[in-house]
Amino acid sequence: MPNTKQVEVKTIAERPPMYHPPLPMEMQLTDVEFEVLTPTKMKEYVADVEANKAPAKPYYTLTTKQYENLSLNMGEIKRYTSNILGIVKFYREYDDPKETEK
């Protein structure tokens, strides 16, 4: 019978590496300029347009409540984005081998 050795089996528990998809491209926001049109300023604008001194352009209006809602929505987008980035940071650090060696 040939000379045989006992085989020792060791099980090493290691967590598999976590997939980290790349972050999407950062937001590329464009500046928005607001112009407040009072009744007096609107009359002046209409007179200038009729005299061909100003270009005719459309104006979009928001009530005070609608502007407040827009502002609250932007705050909510900031909060959500910040929370999502915090979650991504947590999972990236969770799988970082440098952090587990400490």
N, C-alpha and C. Protein backbone atom coordinates (compact mmCIF):
# COMPACT_ATOMS: atom_id res chain seq x y z
N MET A 1 0.84 -1.17 0.00
CA MET A 1 0.00 0.00 0.00
C MET A 1 0.89 1.24 0.00
N PRO A 2 0.56 2.22 -0.87
CA PRO A 2 1.41 3.40 -0.93
C PRO A 2 1.30 4.22 0.35
N ASN A 3 2.34 5.01 0.57
CA ASN A 3 2.40 5.87 1.75
C ASN A 3 1.45 7.05 1.55
N THR A 4 0.44 7.19 2.40
CA THR A 4 -0.54 8.27 2.27
C THR A 4 -0.49 9.16 3.50
N LYS A 5 -0.90 10.40 3.29
CA LYS A 5 -0.96 11.38 4.38
C LYS A 5 -2.41 11.80 4.56
N GLN A 6 -2.72 12.10 5.77
CA GLN A 6 -4.06 12.60 6.09
C GLN A 6 -4.21 13.99 5.49
N VAL A 7 -5.32 14.26 4.84
CA VAL A 7 -5.60 15.56 4.26
C VAL A 7 -6.35 16.39 5.29
N GLU A 8 -5.83 17.58 5.55
CA GLU A 8 -6.49 18.47 6.50
C GLU A 8 -7.27 19.52 5.72
N VAL A 9 -8.54 19.64 6.03
CA VAL A 9 -9.41 20.59 5.34
C VAL A 9 -9.70 21.75 6.28
N LYS A 10 -9.43 22.95 5.81
CA LYS A 10 -9.74 24.16 6.59
C LYS A 10 -10.78 24.96 5.83
N THR A 11 -11.77 25.42 6.54
CA THR A 11 -12.77 26.29 5.94
C THR A 11 -12.51 27.71 6.42
N ILE A 12 -12.31 28.59 5.49
CA ILE A 12 -12.06 30.00 5.82
C ILE A 12 -13.29 30.79 5.40
N ALA A 13 -13.90 31.40 6.39
CA ALA A 13 -15.10 32.19 6.11
C ALA A 13 -14.68 33.60 5.68
N GLU A 14 -14.94 33.92 4.46
CA GLU A 14 -14.63 35.25 3.92
C GLU A 14 -15.85 35.77 3.20
N ARG A 15 -16.17 37.01 3.46
CA ARG A 15 -17.32 37.54 2.74
C ARG A 15 -16.89 37.89 1.31
N PRO A 16 -17.75 37.60 0.36
CA PRO A 16 -17.39 37.90 -1.02
C PRO A 16 -17.36 39.41 -1.23
N PRO A 17 -16.54 39.85 -2.16
CA PRO A 17 -16.50 41.31 -2.41
C PRO A 17 -17.85 41.81 -2.92
N MET A 18 -18.20 43.00 -2.50
CA MET A 18 -19.47 43.59 -2.88
C MET A 18 -19.28 44.38 -4.18
N TYR A 19 -20.24 44.27 -5.06
CA TYR A 19 -20.19 45.03 -6.31
C TYR A 19 -20.50 46.49 -6.03
N HIS A 20 -19.66 47.37 -6.51
CA HIS A 20 -19.86 48.80 -6.34
C HIS A 20 -20.01 49.43 -7.72
N PRO A 21 -21.24 49.66 -8.15
CA PRO A 21 -21.41 50.28 -9.47
C PRO A 21 -20.87 51.70 -9.44
N PRO A 22 -20.43 52.19 -10.57
CA PRO A 22 -19.93 53.56 -10.60
C PRO A 22 -21.05 54.55 -10.32
N LEU A 23 -20.68 55.66 -9.69
CA LEU A 23 -21.67 56.71 -9.44
C LEU A 23 -22.06 57.36 -10.76
N PRO A 24 -23.28 57.81 -10.86
CA PRO A 24 -23.67 58.52 -12.09
C PRO A 24 -22.93 59.85 -12.19
N MET A 25 -22.92 60.39 -13.38
CA MET A 25 -22.28 61.69 -13.58
C MET A 25 -22.95 62.72 -12.68
N GLU A 26 -22.15 63.62 -12.14
CA GLU A 26 -22.70 64.66 -11.27
C GLU A 26 -23.71 65.50 -12.03
N MET A 27 -24.61 66.10 -11.27
CA MET A 27 -25.63 66.94 -11.90
C MET A 27 -24.98 68.17 -12.53
N GLN A 28 -25.41 68.50 -13.70
CA GLN A 28 -24.93 69.67 -14.42
C GLN A 28 -26.08 70.67 -14.47
N LEU A 29 -26.22 71.45 -13.43
CA LEU A 29 -27.35 72.37 -13.35
C LEU A 29 -27.03 73.69 -14.04
N THR A 30 -28.04 74.29 -14.59
CA THR A 30 -27.92 75.58 -15.27
C THR A 30 -28.56 76.64 -14.39
N ASP A 31 -27.92 77.80 -14.34
CA ASP A 31 -28.45 78.90 -13.54
C ASP A 31 -29.82 79.33 -14.07
N VAL A 32 -30.67 79.70 -13.15
CA VAL A 32 -31.99 80.21 -13.49
C VAL A 32 -32.09 81.62 -12.94
N GLU A 33 -32.51 82.53 -13.77
CA GLU A 33 -32.68 83.91 -13.32
C GLU A 33 -34.16 84.19 -13.14
N PHE A 34 -34.47 84.80 -12.02
CA PHE A 34 -35.85 85.17 -11.72
C PHE A 34 -36.02 86.66 -11.89
N GLU A 35 -37.14 87.05 -12.43
CA GLU A 35 -37.48 88.47 -12.57
C GLU A 35 -38.87 88.66 -11.98
N VAL A 36 -38.98 89.57 -11.07
CA VAL A 36 -40.27 89.85 -10.43
C VAL A 36 -40.97 90.95 -11.22
N LEU A 37 -42.16 90.65 -11.71
CA LEU A 37 -42.91 91.62 -12.48
C LEU A 37 -44.05 92.18 -11.62
N THR A 38 -43.92 93.42 -11.30
CA THR A 38 -45.00 94.12 -10.60
C THR A 38 -45.94 94.69 -11.65
N PRO A 39 -47.14 95.08 -11.29
CA PRO A 39 -48.04 95.68 -12.29
C PRO A 39 -47.40 96.89 -12.99
N THR A 40 -46.69 97.70 -12.24
CA THR A 40 -46.04 98.88 -12.86
C THR A 40 -44.97 98.45 -13.85
N LYS A 41 -44.14 97.51 -13.44
CA LYS A 41 -43.07 97.05 -14.32
C LYS A 41 -43.65 96.36 -15.55
N MET A 42 -44.75 95.64 -15.39
CA MET A 42 -45.38 94.97 -16.52
C MET A 42 -45.94 95.98 -17.52
N LYS A 43 -46.53 97.06 -17.02
CA LYS A 43 -47.04 98.11 -17.92
C LYS A 43 -45.89 98.73 -18.70
N GLU A 44 -44.77 98.98 -18.03
CA GLU A 44 -43.59 99.54 -18.72
C GLU A 44 -43.09 98.58 -19.78
N TYR A 45 -43.06 97.30 -19.46
CA TYR A 45 -42.59 96.29 -20.41
C TYR A 45 -43.51 96.25 -21.64
N VAL A 46 -44.82 96.22 -21.41
CA VAL A 46 -45.77 96.17 -22.53
C VAL A 46 -45.61 97.41 -23.41
N ALA A 47 -45.43 98.58 -22.79
CA ALA A 47 -45.24 99.82 -23.56
C ALA A 47 -43.96 99.74 -24.38
N ASP A 48 -42.89 99.19 -23.81
CA ASP A 48 -41.62 99.05 -24.54
C ASP A 48 -41.76 98.07 -25.71
N VAL A 49 -42.51 96.99 -25.51
CA VAL A 49 -42.71 96.02 -26.60
C VAL A 49 -43.49 96.67 -27.73
N GLU A 50 -44.54 97.41 -27.38
CA GLU A 50 -45.34 98.08 -28.40
C GLU A 50 -44.55 99.13 -29.15
N ALA A 51 -43.57 99.75 -28.49
CA ALA A 51 -42.72 100.75 -29.15
C ALA A 51 -41.50 100.11 -29.80
N ASN A 52 -41.44 98.77 -29.83
CA ASN A 52 -40.30 98.03 -30.40
C ASN A 52 -38.98 98.34 -29.69
N LYS A 53 -39.03 98.64 -28.41
CA LYS A 53 -37.83 98.92 -27.62
C LYS A 53 -37.41 97.70 -26.80
N ALA A 54 -38.26 96.69 -26.73
CA ALA A 54 -37.95 95.48 -25.96
C ALA A 54 -38.43 94.27 -26.74
N PRO A 55 -37.70 93.16 -26.63
CA PRO A 55 -38.14 91.95 -27.33
C PRO A 55 -39.37 91.35 -26.64
N ALA A 56 -40.24 90.81 -27.45
CA ALA A 56 -41.41 90.12 -26.88
C ALA A 56 -40.96 88.76 -26.40
N LYS A 57 -41.20 88.48 -25.15
CA LYS A 57 -40.81 87.17 -24.60
C LYS A 57 -41.89 86.70 -23.64
N PRO A 58 -42.07 85.39 -23.56
CA PRO A 58 -43.10 84.88 -22.66
C PRO A 58 -42.61 84.91 -21.21
N TYR A 59 -43.53 85.05 -20.30
CA TYR A 59 -43.23 85.01 -18.88
C TYR A 59 -44.05 83.90 -18.25
N TYR A 60 -43.43 83.17 -17.37
CA TYR A 60 -44.11 82.11 -16.64
C TYR A 60 -44.26 82.59 -15.20
N THR A 61 -45.41 82.36 -14.65
CA THR A 61 -45.65 82.89 -13.31
C THR A 61 -45.85 81.76 -12.29
N LEU A 62 -45.52 82.10 -11.07
CA LEU A 62 -45.77 81.22 -9.93
C LEU A 62 -46.43 82.05 -8.85
N THR A 63 -47.39 81.47 -8.21
CA THR A 63 -47.96 82.16 -7.05
C THR A 63 -46.95 82.01 -5.90
N THR A 64 -47.17 82.73 -4.84
CA THR A 64 -46.28 82.63 -3.68
C THR A 64 -46.26 81.19 -3.17
N LYS A 65 -47.39 80.54 -3.12
CA LYS A 65 -47.48 79.15 -2.65
C LYS A 65 -46.74 78.21 -3.60
N GLN A 66 -46.88 78.43 -4.90
CA GLN A 66 -46.19 77.58 -5.87
C GLN A 66 -44.67 77.76 -5.76
N TYR A 67 -44.22 78.97 -5.53
CA TYR A 67 -42.78 79.22 -5.36
C TYR A 67 -42.30 78.52 -4.08
N GLU A 68 -43.11 78.58 -3.02
CA GLU A 68 -42.76 77.91 -1.78
C GLU A 68 -42.66 76.40 -2.01
N ASN A 69 -43.61 75.84 -2.75
CA ASN A 69 -43.57 74.41 -3.06
C ASN A 69 -42.33 74.05 -3.87
N LEU A 70 -41.98 74.88 -4.82
CA LEU A 70 -40.77 74.66 -5.62
C LEU A 70 -39.54 74.63 -4.71
N SER A 71 -39.46 75.57 -3.79
CA SER A 71 -38.36 75.64 -2.85
C SER A 71 -38.31 74.41 -1.96
N LEU A 72 -39.46 73.98 -1.45
CA LEU A 72 -39.52 72.78 -0.61
C LEU A 72 -39.12 71.54 -1.40
N ASN A 73 -39.54 71.46 -2.66
CA ASN A 73 -39.16 70.32 -3.50
C ASN A 73 -37.66 70.27 -3.72
N MET A 74 -37.04 71.42 -3.94
CA MET A 74 -35.58 71.46 -4.13
C MET A 74 -34.88 71.01 -2.85
N GLY A 75 -35.38 71.42 -1.69
CA GLY A 75 -34.83 70.96 -0.42
C GLY A 75 -34.96 69.46 -0.26
N GLU A 76 -36.09 68.92 -0.70
CA GLU A 76 -36.32 67.48 -0.62
C GLU A 76 -35.36 66.72 -1.55
N ILE A 77 -35.10 67.27 -2.72
CA ILE A 77 -34.14 66.65 -3.64
C ILE A 77 -32.75 66.66 -3.02
N LYS A 78 -32.36 67.76 -2.39
CA LYS A 78 -31.05 67.83 -1.72
C LYS A 78 -30.96 66.79 -0.61
N ARG A 79 -32.01 66.69 0.21
CA ARG A 79 -32.02 65.73 1.31
C ARG A 79 -31.89 64.30 0.78
N TYR A 80 -32.67 63.97 -0.22
CA TYR A 80 -32.67 62.62 -0.78
C TYR A 80 -31.30 62.28 -1.36
N THR A 81 -30.73 63.21 -2.12
CA THR A 81 -29.42 62.98 -2.72
C THR A 81 -28.36 62.78 -1.65
N SER A 82 -28.40 63.60 -0.61
CA SER A 82 -27.45 63.46 0.49
C SER A 82 -27.58 62.10 1.17
N ASN A 83 -28.82 61.65 1.41
CA ASN A 83 -29.04 60.34 2.03
C ASN A 83 -28.54 59.20 1.15
N ILE A 84 -28.81 59.28 -0.13
CA ILE A 84 -28.36 58.23 -1.06
C ILE A 84 -26.84 58.17 -1.09
N LEU A 85 -26.18 59.33 -1.14
CA LEU A 85 -24.71 59.34 -1.15
C LEU A 85 -24.15 58.80 0.15
N GLY A 86 -24.84 59.04 1.27
CA GLY A 86 -24.41 58.47 2.54
C GLY A 86 -24.50 56.95 2.54
N ILE A 87 -25.54 56.40 1.94
CA ILE A 87 -25.70 54.95 1.85
C ILE A 87 -24.60 54.36 0.97
N VAL A 88 -24.34 55.00 -0.16
CA VAL A 88 -23.28 54.54 -1.06
C VAL A 88 -21.93 54.56 -0.33
N LYS A 89 -21.66 55.62 0.42
CA LYS A 89 -20.40 55.73 1.17
C LYS A 89 -20.30 54.61 2.20
N PHE A 90 -21.38 54.32 2.90
CA PHE A 90 -21.39 53.24 3.89
C PHE A 90 -20.98 51.92 3.25
N TYR A 91 -21.60 51.56 2.14
CA TYR A 91 -21.32 50.28 1.52
C TYR A 91 -19.93 50.24 0.90
N ARG A 92 -19.45 51.35 0.42
CA ARG A 92 -18.08 51.36 -0.12
C ARG A 92 -17.08 51.16 1.01
N GLU A 93 -17.30 51.79 2.15
CA GLU A 93 -16.41 51.61 3.30
C GLU A 93 -16.57 50.23 3.91
N TYR A 94 -17.76 49.67 3.85
CA TYR A 94 -18.04 48.34 4.40
C TYR A 94 -17.18 47.29 3.72
N ASP A 95 -16.95 47.43 2.45
CA ASP A 95 -16.20 46.47 1.67
C ASP A 95 -14.74 46.86 1.50
N ASP A 96 -14.32 47.97 2.12
CA ASP A 96 -12.95 48.45 1.96
C ASP A 96 -12.01 47.59 2.79
N PRO A 97 -11.04 46.89 2.15
CA PRO A 97 -10.16 46.02 2.91
C PRO A 97 -9.29 46.78 3.94
N LYS A 98 -8.98 48.02 3.67
CA LYS A 98 -8.16 48.80 4.60
C LYS A 98 -8.91 49.01 5.92
N GLU A 99 -10.22 49.17 5.84
CA GLU A 99 -11.03 49.40 7.04
C GLU A 99 -11.14 48.13 7.88
N THR A 100 -11.18 46.95 7.25
CA THR A 100 -11.35 45.70 7.99
C THR A 100 -10.06 45.28 8.68
N GLU A 101 -8.92 45.74 8.20
CA GLU A 101 -7.63 45.38 8.82
C GLU A 101 -7.40 46.14 10.10
N LYS A 102 -8.05 47.25 10.32
CA LYS A 102 -7.81 48.08 11.50
C LYS A 102 -8.29 47.43 12.76
